[in-house]
PDB file of all heavy atoms in Angstrom:
ATOM      1  N   ASP A   1       0.816  -1.224   0.023  1.00  0.00           N
ATOM      2  CA  ASP A   1       0.010  -0.017  -0.008  1.00  0.00           C
ATOM      3  C   ASP A   1       0.907   1.252  -0.029  1.00  0.00           C
ATOM      4  O   ASP A   1       1.914   1.335   0.662  1.00  0.00           O
ATOM      5  CB  ASP A   1      -0.905   0.001   1.244  1.00  0.00           C
ATOM      6  CG  ASP A   1      -1.974  -1.042   1.219  1.00  0.00           C
ATOM      7  OD1 ASP A   1      -2.101  -1.730   0.208  1.00  0.00           O
ATOM      8  OD2 ASP A   1      -2.708  -1.191   2.211  1.00  0.00           O
ATOM      9  N   VAL A   2       0.434   2.243  -0.732  1.00  0.00           N
ATOM     10  CA  VAL A   2       1.051   3.519  -0.768  1.00  0.00           C
ATOM     11  C   VAL A   2       0.231   4.552   0.031  1.00  0.00           C
ATOM     12  O   VAL A   2      -0.989   4.707  -0.280  1.00  0.00           O
ATOM     13  CB  VAL A   2       1.341   4.063  -2.164  1.00  0.00           C
ATOM     14  CG1 VAL A   2       1.949   5.469  -2.111  1.00  0.00           C
ATOM     15  CG2 VAL A   2       2.326   3.153  -2.838  1.00  0.00           C
ATOM     16  N   MET A   3       0.751   5.208   1.032  1.00  0.00           N
ATOM     17  CA  MET A   3       0.029   6.214   1.832  1.00  0.00           C
ATOM     18  C   MET A   3       0.488   7.618   1.429  1.00  0.00           C
ATOM     19  O   MET A   3       1.663   7.952   1.493  1.00  0.00           O
ATOM     20  CB  MET A   3       0.329   5.951   3.310  1.00  0.00           C
ATOM     21  CG  MET A   3       0.185   4.537   3.713  1.00  0.00           C
ATOM     22  SD  MET A   3      -1.558   3.993   3.750  1.00  0.00           S
ATOM     23  CE  MET A   3      -2.149   4.922   5.152  1.00  0.00           C
ATOM     24  N   VAL A   4      -0.497   8.434   1.087  1.00  0.00           N
ATOM     25  CA  VAL A   4      -0.181   9.796   0.638  1.00  0.00           C
ATOM     26  C   VAL A   4      -0.968  10.768   1.529  1.00  0.00           C
ATOM     27  O   VAL A   4      -2.189  10.608   1.693  1.00  0.00           O
ATOM     28  CB  VAL A   4      -0.597  10.042  -0.824  1.00  0.00           C
ATOM     29  CG1 VAL A   4      -0.283  11.484  -1.242  1.00  0.00           C
ATOM     30  CG2 VAL A   4       0.201   9.089  -1.762  1.00  0.00           C
ATOM     31  N   THR A   5      -0.312  11.744   2.087  1.00  0.00           N
ATOM     32  CA  THR A   5      -0.880  12.758   2.900  1.00  0.00           C
ATOM     33  C   THR A   5      -1.009  14.057   2.153  1.00  0.00           C
ATOM     34  O   THR A   5       0.011  14.512   1.593  1.00  0.00           O
ATOM     35  CB  THR A   5      -0.123  12.975   4.196  1.00  0.00           C
ATOM     36  OG1 THR A   5      -0.013  11.811   4.946  1.00  0.00           O
ATOM     37  CG2 THR A   5      -0.752  14.083   5.029  1.00  0.00           C
ATOM     38  N   LEU A   6      -2.195  14.579   2.000  1.00  0.00           N
ATOM     39  CA  LEU A   6      -2.412  15.851   1.314  1.00  0.00           C
ATOM     40  C   LEU A   6      -2.490  17.008   2.299  1.00  0.00           C
ATOM     41  O   LEU A   6      -2.756  16.840   3.497  1.00  0.00           O
ATOM     42  CB  LEU A   6      -3.748  15.808   0.486  1.00  0.00           C
ATOM     43  CG  LEU A   6      -3.826  14.648  -0.507  1.00  0.00           C
ATOM     44  CD1 LEU A   6      -5.290  14.666  -1.130  1.00  0.00           C
ATOM     45  CD2 LEU A   6      -2.851  14.841  -1.643  1.00  0.00           C
ATOM     46  N   SER A   7      -2.247  18.204   1.773  1.00  0.00           N
ATOM     47  CA  SER A   7      -2.473  19.383   2.611  1.00  0.00           C
ATOM     48  C   SER A   7      -3.201  20.401   1.730  1.00  0.00           C
ATOM     49  O   SER A   7      -3.168  20.374   0.505  1.00  0.00           O
ATOM     50  CB  SER A   7      -1.116  19.982   3.080  1.00  0.00           C
ATOM     51  OG  SER A   7      -0.318  20.415   2.006  1.00  0.00           O
ATOM     52  N   THR A   8      -3.912  21.344   2.418  1.00  0.00           N
ATOM     53  CA  THR A   8      -4.649  22.347   1.689  1.00  0.00           C
ATOM     54  C   THR A   8      -4.279  23.758   2.171  1.00  0.00           C
ATOM     55  O   THR A   8      -3.922  23.904   3.380  1.00  0.00           O
ATOM     56  CB  THR A   8      -6.197  22.189   1.867  1.00  0.00           C
ATOM     57  OG1 THR A   8      -6.495  22.205   3.261  1.00  0.00           O
ATOM     58  CG2 THR A   8      -6.675  20.874   1.228  1.00  0.00           C
ATOM     59  N   ALA A   9      -4.320  24.685   1.274  1.00  0.00           N
ATOM     60  CA  ALA A   9      -4.047  26.133   1.636  1.00  0.00           C
ATOM     61  C   ALA A   9      -4.903  26.952   0.678  1.00  0.00           C
ATOM     62  O   ALA A   9      -5.806  26.441   0.042  1.00  0.00           O
ATOM     63  CB  ALA A   9      -2.525  26.407   1.469  1.00  0.00           C
ATOM     64  N   GLY A  10      -4.589  28.248   0.600  1.00  0.00           N
ATOM     65  CA  GLY A  10      -5.296  29.103  -0.347  1.00  0.00           C
ATOM     66  C   GLY A  10      -6.191  30.095   0.365  1.00  0.00           C
ATOM     67  O   GLY A  10      -6.168  30.199   1.601  1.00  0.00           O
ATOM     68  N   THR A  11      -7.052  30.728  -0.400  1.00  0.00           N
ATOM     69  CA  THR A  11      -7.886  31.792   0.150  1.00  0.00           C
ATOM     70  C   THR A  11      -9.214  31.258   0.746  1.00  0.00           C
ATOM     71  O   THR A  11      -9.918  31.935   1.492  1.00  0.00           O
ATOM     72  CB  THR A  11      -8.249  32.865  -0.917  1.00  0.00           C
ATOM     73  OG1 THR A  11      -8.911  32.207  -2.018  1.00  0.00           O
ATOM     74  CG2 THR A  11      -7.035  33.529  -1.389  1.00  0.00           C
ATOM     75  N   ALA A  12      -9.549  30.000   0.403  1.00  0.00           N
ATOM     76  CA  ALA A  12     -10.776  29.360   0.894  1.00  0.00           C
ATOM     77  C   ALA A  12     -10.489  28.829   2.297  1.00  0.00           C
ATOM     78  O   ALA A  12      -9.393  28.328   2.574  1.00  0.00           O
ATOM     79  CB  ALA A  12     -11.204  28.258   0.039  1.00  0.00           C
ATOM     80  N   SER A  13     -11.488  29.003   3.226  1.00  0.00           N
ATOM     81  CA  SER A  13     -11.250  28.518   4.617  1.00  0.00           C
ATOM     82  C   SER A  13     -12.058  27.269   4.817  1.00  0.00           C
ATOM     83  O   SER A  13     -12.820  26.768   3.947  1.00  0.00           O
ATOM     84  CB  SER A  13     -11.755  29.603   5.593  1.00  0.00           C
ATOM     85  OG  SER A  13     -13.190  29.792   5.450  1.00  0.00           O
ATOM     86  N   ALA A  14     -11.975  26.674   6.027  1.00  0.00           N
ATOM     87  CA  ALA A  14     -12.647  25.418   6.338  1.00  0.00           C
ATOM     88  C   ALA A  14     -14.186  25.569   6.245  1.00  0.00           C
ATOM     89  O   ALA A  14     -14.869  24.581   6.148  1.00  0.00           O
ATOM     90  CB  ALA A  14     -12.223  24.916   7.749  1.00  0.00           C
ATOM     91  N   SER A  15     -14.687  26.771   6.418  1.00  0.00           N
ATOM     92  CA  SER A  15     -16.116  26.974   6.311  1.00  0.00           C
ATOM     93  C   SER A  15     -16.636  27.052   4.899  1.00  0.00           C
ATOM     94  O   SER A  15     -17.876  27.093   4.667  1.00  0.00           O
ATOM     95  CB  SER A  15     -16.477  28.281   7.034  1.00  0.00           C
ATOM     96  OG  SER A  15     -15.892  29.427   6.362  1.00  0.00           O
ATOM     97  N   ASP A  16     -15.700  27.041   3.869  1.00  0.00           N
ATOM     98  CA  ASP A  16     -16.127  27.165   2.520  1.00  0.00           C
ATOM     99  C   ASP A  16     -16.231  25.784   1.837  1.00  0.00           C
ATOM    100  O   ASP A  16     -16.810  25.726   0.717  1.00  0.00           O
ATOM    101  CB  ASP A  16     -15.096  27.986   1.769  1.00  0.00           C
ATOM    102  CG  ASP A  16     -15.042  29.477   2.264  1.00  0.00           C
ATOM    103  OD1 ASP A  16     -16.135  30.048   2.363  1.00  0.00           O
ATOM    104  OD2 ASP A  16     -13.958  29.926   2.554  1.00  0.00           O
ATOM    105  N   TYR A  17     -15.617  24.762   2.397  1.00  0.00           N
ATOM    106  CA  TYR A  17     -15.648  23.457   1.721  1.00  0.00           C
ATOM    107  C   TYR A  17     -15.366  22.359   2.768  1.00  0.00           C
ATOM    108  O   TYR A  17     -14.905  22.584   3.847  1.00  0.00           O
ATOM    109  CB  TYR A  17     -14.587  23.423   0.658  1.00  0.00           C
ATOM    110  CG  TYR A  17     -13.148  23.422   1.093  1.00  0.00           C
ATOM    111  CD1 TYR A  17     -12.461  22.268   1.355  1.00  0.00           C
ATOM    112  CD2 TYR A  17     -12.525  24.652   1.445  1.00  0.00           C
ATOM    113  CE1 TYR A  17     -11.129  22.321   1.862  1.00  0.00           C
ATOM    114  CE2 TYR A  17     -11.244  24.682   1.880  1.00  0.00           C
ATOM    115  CZ  TYR A  17     -10.538  23.498   2.117  1.00  0.00           C
ATOM    116  OH  TYR A  17      -9.222  23.536   2.566  1.00  0.00           O
ATOM    117  N   SER A  18     -15.723  21.098   2.341  1.00  0.00           N
ATOM    118  CA  SER A  18     -15.379  19.913   3.071  1.00  0.00           C
ATOM    119  C   SER A  18     -14.593  18.986   2.212  1.00  0.00           C
ATOM    120  O   SER A  18     -14.739  18.999   0.958  1.00  0.00           O
ATOM    121  CB  SER A  18     -16.606  19.241   3.605  1.00  0.00           C
ATOM    122  OG  SER A  18     -17.393  18.740   2.585  1.00  0.00           O
ATOM    123  N   ILE A  19     -13.753  18.196   2.768  1.00  0.00           N
ATOM    124  CA  ILE A  19     -12.935  17.234   2.039  1.00  0.00           C
ATOM    125  C   ILE A  19     -13.091  15.898   2.705  1.00  0.00           C
ATOM    126  O   ILE A  19     -13.147  15.753   3.985  1.00  0.00           O
ATOM    127  CB  ILE A  19     -11.437  17.677   1.964  1.00  0.00           C
ATOM    128  CG1 ILE A  19     -10.654  16.752   1.066  1.00  0.00           C
ATOM    129  CG2 ILE A  19     -10.823  17.812   3.332  1.00  0.00           C
ATOM    130  CD1 ILE A  19      -9.268  17.231   0.633  1.00  0.00           C
ATOM    131  N   SER A  20     -13.286  14.838   1.984  1.00  0.00           N
ATOM    132  CA  SER A  20     -13.572  13.471   2.521  1.00  0.00           C
ATOM    133  C   SER A  20     -12.380  12.849   3.213  1.00  0.00           C
ATOM    134  O   SER A  20     -12.519  11.838   3.877  1.00  0.00           O
ATOM    135  CB  SER A  20     -14.018  12.552   1.380  1.00  0.00           C
ATOM    136  OG  SER A  20     -13.099  12.445   0.331  1.00  0.00           O
ATOM    137  N   GLY A  21     -11.200  13.455   3.068  1.00  0.00           N
ATOM    138  CA  GLY A  21     -10.008  12.952   3.796  1.00  0.00           C
ATOM    139  C   GLY A  21      -8.768  13.557   3.202  1.00  0.00           C
ATOM    140  O   GLY A  21      -8.657  13.887   2.031  1.00  0.00           O
ATOM    141  N   LEU A  22      -7.749  13.672   4.091  1.00  0.00           N
ATOM    142  CA  LEU A  22      -6.451  14.153   3.621  1.00  0.00           C
ATOM    143  C   LEU A  22      -5.447  13.023   3.528  1.00  0.00           C
ATOM    144  O   LEU A  22      -4.322  13.184   3.044  1.00  0.00           O
ATOM    145  CB  LEU A  22      -5.895  15.247   4.593  1.00  0.00           C
ATOM    146  CG  LEU A  22      -6.668  16.575   4.515  1.00  0.00           C
ATOM    147  CD1 LEU A  22      -6.100  17.511   5.628  1.00  0.00           C
ATOM    148  CD2 LEU A  22      -6.521  17.232   3.217  1.00  0.00           C
ATOM    149  N   GLN A  23      -5.866  11.811   3.994  1.00  0.00           N
ATOM    150  CA  GLN A  23      -5.020  10.648   3.922  1.00  0.00           C
ATOM    151  C   GLN A  23      -5.597   9.793   2.767  1.00  0.00           C
ATOM    152  O   GLN A  23      -6.738   9.369   2.808  1.00  0.00           O
ATOM    153  CB  GLN A  23      -5.041   9.820   5.218  1.00  0.00           C
ATOM    154  CG  GLN A  23      -4.628  10.564   6.460  1.00  0.00           C
ATOM    155  CD  GLN A  23      -3.106  10.941   6.401  1.00  0.00           C
ATOM    156  OE1 GLN A  23      -2.297  10.172   5.847  1.00  0.00           O
ATOM    157  NE2 GLN A  23      -2.743  11.982   6.995  1.00  0.00           N
ATOM    158  N   VAL A  24      -4.749   9.524   1.803  1.00  0.00           N
ATOM    159  CA  VAL A  24      -5.151   8.762   0.663  1.00  0.00           C
ATOM    160  C   VAL A  24      -4.297   7.457   0.580  1.00  0.00           C
ATOM    161  O   VAL A  24      -3.097   7.474   0.668  1.00  0.00           O
ATOM    162  CB  VAL A  24      -4.892   9.499  -0.718  1.00  0.00           C
ATOM    163  CG1 VAL A  24      -5.353   8.689  -1.845  1.00  0.00           C
ATOM    164  CG2 VAL A  24      -5.656  10.847  -0.637  1.00  0.00           C
ATOM    165  N   THR A  25      -4.978   6.354   0.537  1.00  0.00           N
ATOM    166  CA  THR A  25      -4.328   5.018   0.502  1.00  0.00           C
ATOM    167  C   THR A  25      -4.594   4.377  -0.919  1.00  0.00           C
ATOM    168  O   THR A  25      -5.716   4.184  -1.282  1.00  0.00           O
ATOM    169  CB  THR A  25      -4.841   4.064   1.602  1.00  0.00           C
ATOM    170  OG1 THR A  25      -4.666   4.660   2.916  1.00  0.00           O
ATOM    171  CG2 THR A  25      -4.116   2.729   1.505  1.00  0.00           C
ATOM    172  N   ILE A  26      -3.471   4.137  -1.557  1.00  0.00           N
ATOM    173  CA  ILE A  26      -3.542   3.412  -2.814  1.00  0.00           C
ATOM    174  C   ILE A  26      -3.156   1.988  -2.594  1.00  0.00           C
ATOM    175  O   ILE A  26      -2.026   1.677  -2.279  1.00  0.00           O
ATOM    176  CB  ILE A  26      -2.567   4.034  -3.879  1.00  0.00           C
ATOM    177  CG1 ILE A  26      -2.883   5.551  -4.002  1.00  0.00           C
ATOM    178  CG2 ILE A  26      -2.662   3.341  -5.186  1.00  0.00           C
ATOM    179  CD1 ILE A  26      -1.910   6.293  -4.936  1.00  0.00           C
ATOM    180  N   PRO A  27      -4.120   1.101  -2.663  1.00  0.00           N
ATOM    181  CA  PRO A  27      -3.842  -0.291  -2.355  1.00  0.00           C
ATOM    182  C   PRO A  27      -2.775  -0.922  -3.247  1.00  0.00           C
ATOM    183  O   PRO A  27      -2.602  -0.510  -4.364  1.00  0.00           O
ATOM    184  CB  PRO A  27      -5.173  -1.002  -2.540  1.00  0.00           C
ATOM    185  CG  PRO A  27      -6.212   0.099  -2.482  1.00  0.00           C
ATOM    186  CD  PRO A  27      -5.522   1.259  -3.077  1.00  0.00           C
ATOM    187  N   ALA A  28      -2.090  -1.894  -2.695  1.00  0.00           N
ATOM    188  CA  ALA A  28      -1.066  -2.641  -3.468  1.00  0.00           C
ATOM    189  C   ALA A  28      -1.723  -3.129  -4.774  1.00  0.00           C
ATOM    190  O   ALA A  28      -2.841  -3.653  -4.750  1.00  0.00           O
ATOM    191  CB  ALA A  28      -0.517  -3.773  -2.695  1.00  0.00           C
ATOM    192  N   GLY A  29      -0.996  -2.976  -5.906  1.00  0.00           N
ATOM    193  CA  GLY A  29      -1.521  -3.390  -7.207  1.00  0.00           C
ATOM    194  C   GLY A  29      -2.374  -2.378  -7.900  1.00  0.00           C
ATOM    195  O   GLY A  29      -2.638  -2.554  -9.106  1.00  0.00           O
ATOM    196  N   ASP A  30      -2.811  -1.333  -7.219  1.00  0.00           N
ATOM    197  CA  ASP A  30      -3.583  -0.263  -7.876  1.00  0.00           C
ATOM    198  C   ASP A  30      -2.698   0.932  -8.217  1.00  0.00           C
ATOM    199  O   ASP A  30      -1.535   0.998  -7.717  1.00  0.00           O
ATOM    200  CB  ASP A  30      -4.731   0.208  -6.988  1.00  0.00           C
ATOM    201  CG  ASP A  30      -5.824  -0.810  -6.846  1.00  0.00           C
ATOM    202  OD1 ASP A  30      -5.825  -1.814  -7.640  1.00  0.00           O
ATOM    203  OD2 ASP A  30      -6.715  -0.625  -6.010  1.00  0.00           O
ATOM    204  N   THR A  31      -3.227   1.818  -9.037  1.00  0.00           N
ATOM    205  CA  THR A  31      -2.427   2.971  -9.393  1.00  0.00           C
ATOM    206  C   THR A  31      -3.025   4.350  -9.087  1.00  0.00           C
ATOM    207  O   THR A  31      -2.522   5.345  -9.417  1.00  0.00           O
ATOM    208  CB  THR A  31      -2.141   2.959 -10.940  1.00  0.00           C
ATOM    209  OG1 THR A  31      -3.372   2.882 -11.654  1.00  0.00           O
ATOM    210  CG2 THR A  31      -1.216   1.755 -11.304  1.00  0.00           C
ATOM    211  N   ALA A  32      -4.219   4.308  -8.388  1.00  0.00           N
ATOM    212  CA  ALA A  32      -4.881   5.569  -8.096  1.00  0.00           C
ATOM    213  C   ALA A  32      -5.881   5.440  -6.961  1.00  0.00           C
ATOM    214  O   ALA A  32      -6.421   4.371  -6.755  1.00  0.00           O
ATOM    215  CB  ALA A  32      -5.539   6.197  -9.326  1.00  0.00           C
ATOM    216  N   ALA A  33      -6.078   6.527  -6.279  1.00  0.00           N
ATOM    217  CA  ALA A  33      -7.211   6.637  -5.300  1.00  0.00           C
ATOM    218  C   ALA A  33      -7.526   8.085  -5.248  1.00  0.00           C
ATOM    219  O   ALA A  33      -6.809   8.986  -5.620  1.00  0.00           O
ATOM    220  CB  ALA A  33      -6.752   6.087  -3.941  1.00  0.00           C
ATOM    221  N   ALA A  34      -8.749   8.362  -4.675  1.00  0.00           N
ATOM    222  CA  ALA A  34      -9.249   9.703  -4.719  1.00  0.00           C
ATOM    223  C   ALA A  34     -10.014  10.124  -3.506  1.00  0.00           C
ATOM    224  O   ALA A  34     -10.503   9.318  -2.735  1.00  0.00           O
ATOM    225  CB  ALA A  34     -10.152   9.893  -5.990  1.00  0.00           C
ATOM    226  N   VAL A  35     -10.133  11.422  -3.273  1.00  0.00           N
ATOM    227  CA  VAL A  35     -11.001  12.044  -2.268  1.00  0.00           C
ATOM    228  C   VAL A  35     -11.888  13.066  -2.936  1.00  0.00           C
ATOM    229  O   VAL A  35     -11.575  13.484  -4.087  1.00  0.00           O
ATOM    230  CB  VAL A  35     -10.177  12.648  -1.085  1.00  0.00           C
ATOM    231  CG1 VAL A  35      -9.400  11.609  -0.349  1.00  0.00           C
ATOM    232  CG2 VAL A  35      -9.230  13.758  -1.623  1.00  0.00           C
ATOM    233  N   THR A  36     -12.886  13.503  -2.252  1.00  0.00           N
ATOM    234  CA  THR A  36     -13.832  14.444  -2.815  1.00  0.00           C
ATOM    235  C   THR A  36     -13.854  15.750  -2.018  1.00  0.00           C
ATOM    236  O   THR A  36     -13.888  15.740  -0.722  1.00  0.00           O
ATOM    237  CB  THR A  36     -15.263  13.869  -2.846  1.00  0.00           C
ATOM    238  OG1 THR A  36     -15.267  12.595  -3.613  1.00  0.00           O
ATOM    239  CG2 THR A  36     -16.238  14.796  -3.451  1.00  0.00           C
ATOM    240  N   ILE A  37     -13.879  16.890  -2.698  1.00  0.00           N
ATOM    241  CA  ILE A  37     -14.065  18.181  -2.111  1.00  0.00           C
ATOM    242  C   ILE A  37     -15.412  18.704  -2.479  1.00  0.00           C
ATOM    243  O   ILE A  37     -15.791  18.666  -3.646  1.00  0.00           O
ATOM    244  CB  ILE A  37     -12.978  19.194  -2.593  1.00  0.00           C
ATOM    245  CG1 ILE A  37     -11.623  18.766  -1.992  1.00  0.00           C
ATOM    246  CG2 ILE A  37     -13.363  20.625  -2.136  1.00  0.00           C
ATOM    247  CD1 ILE A  37     -10.444  19.742  -2.410  1.00  0.00           C
TER     248      ILE A  37
END
């Protein structure tokens, strides 16, 4: 498994959007995984 940690910045604040997670796990044998904003 590959573990990727995302970070967010910019002019939008936490009250402007939600994100389904900042930790993304790409299972062994796969090539992609996603989160939703």
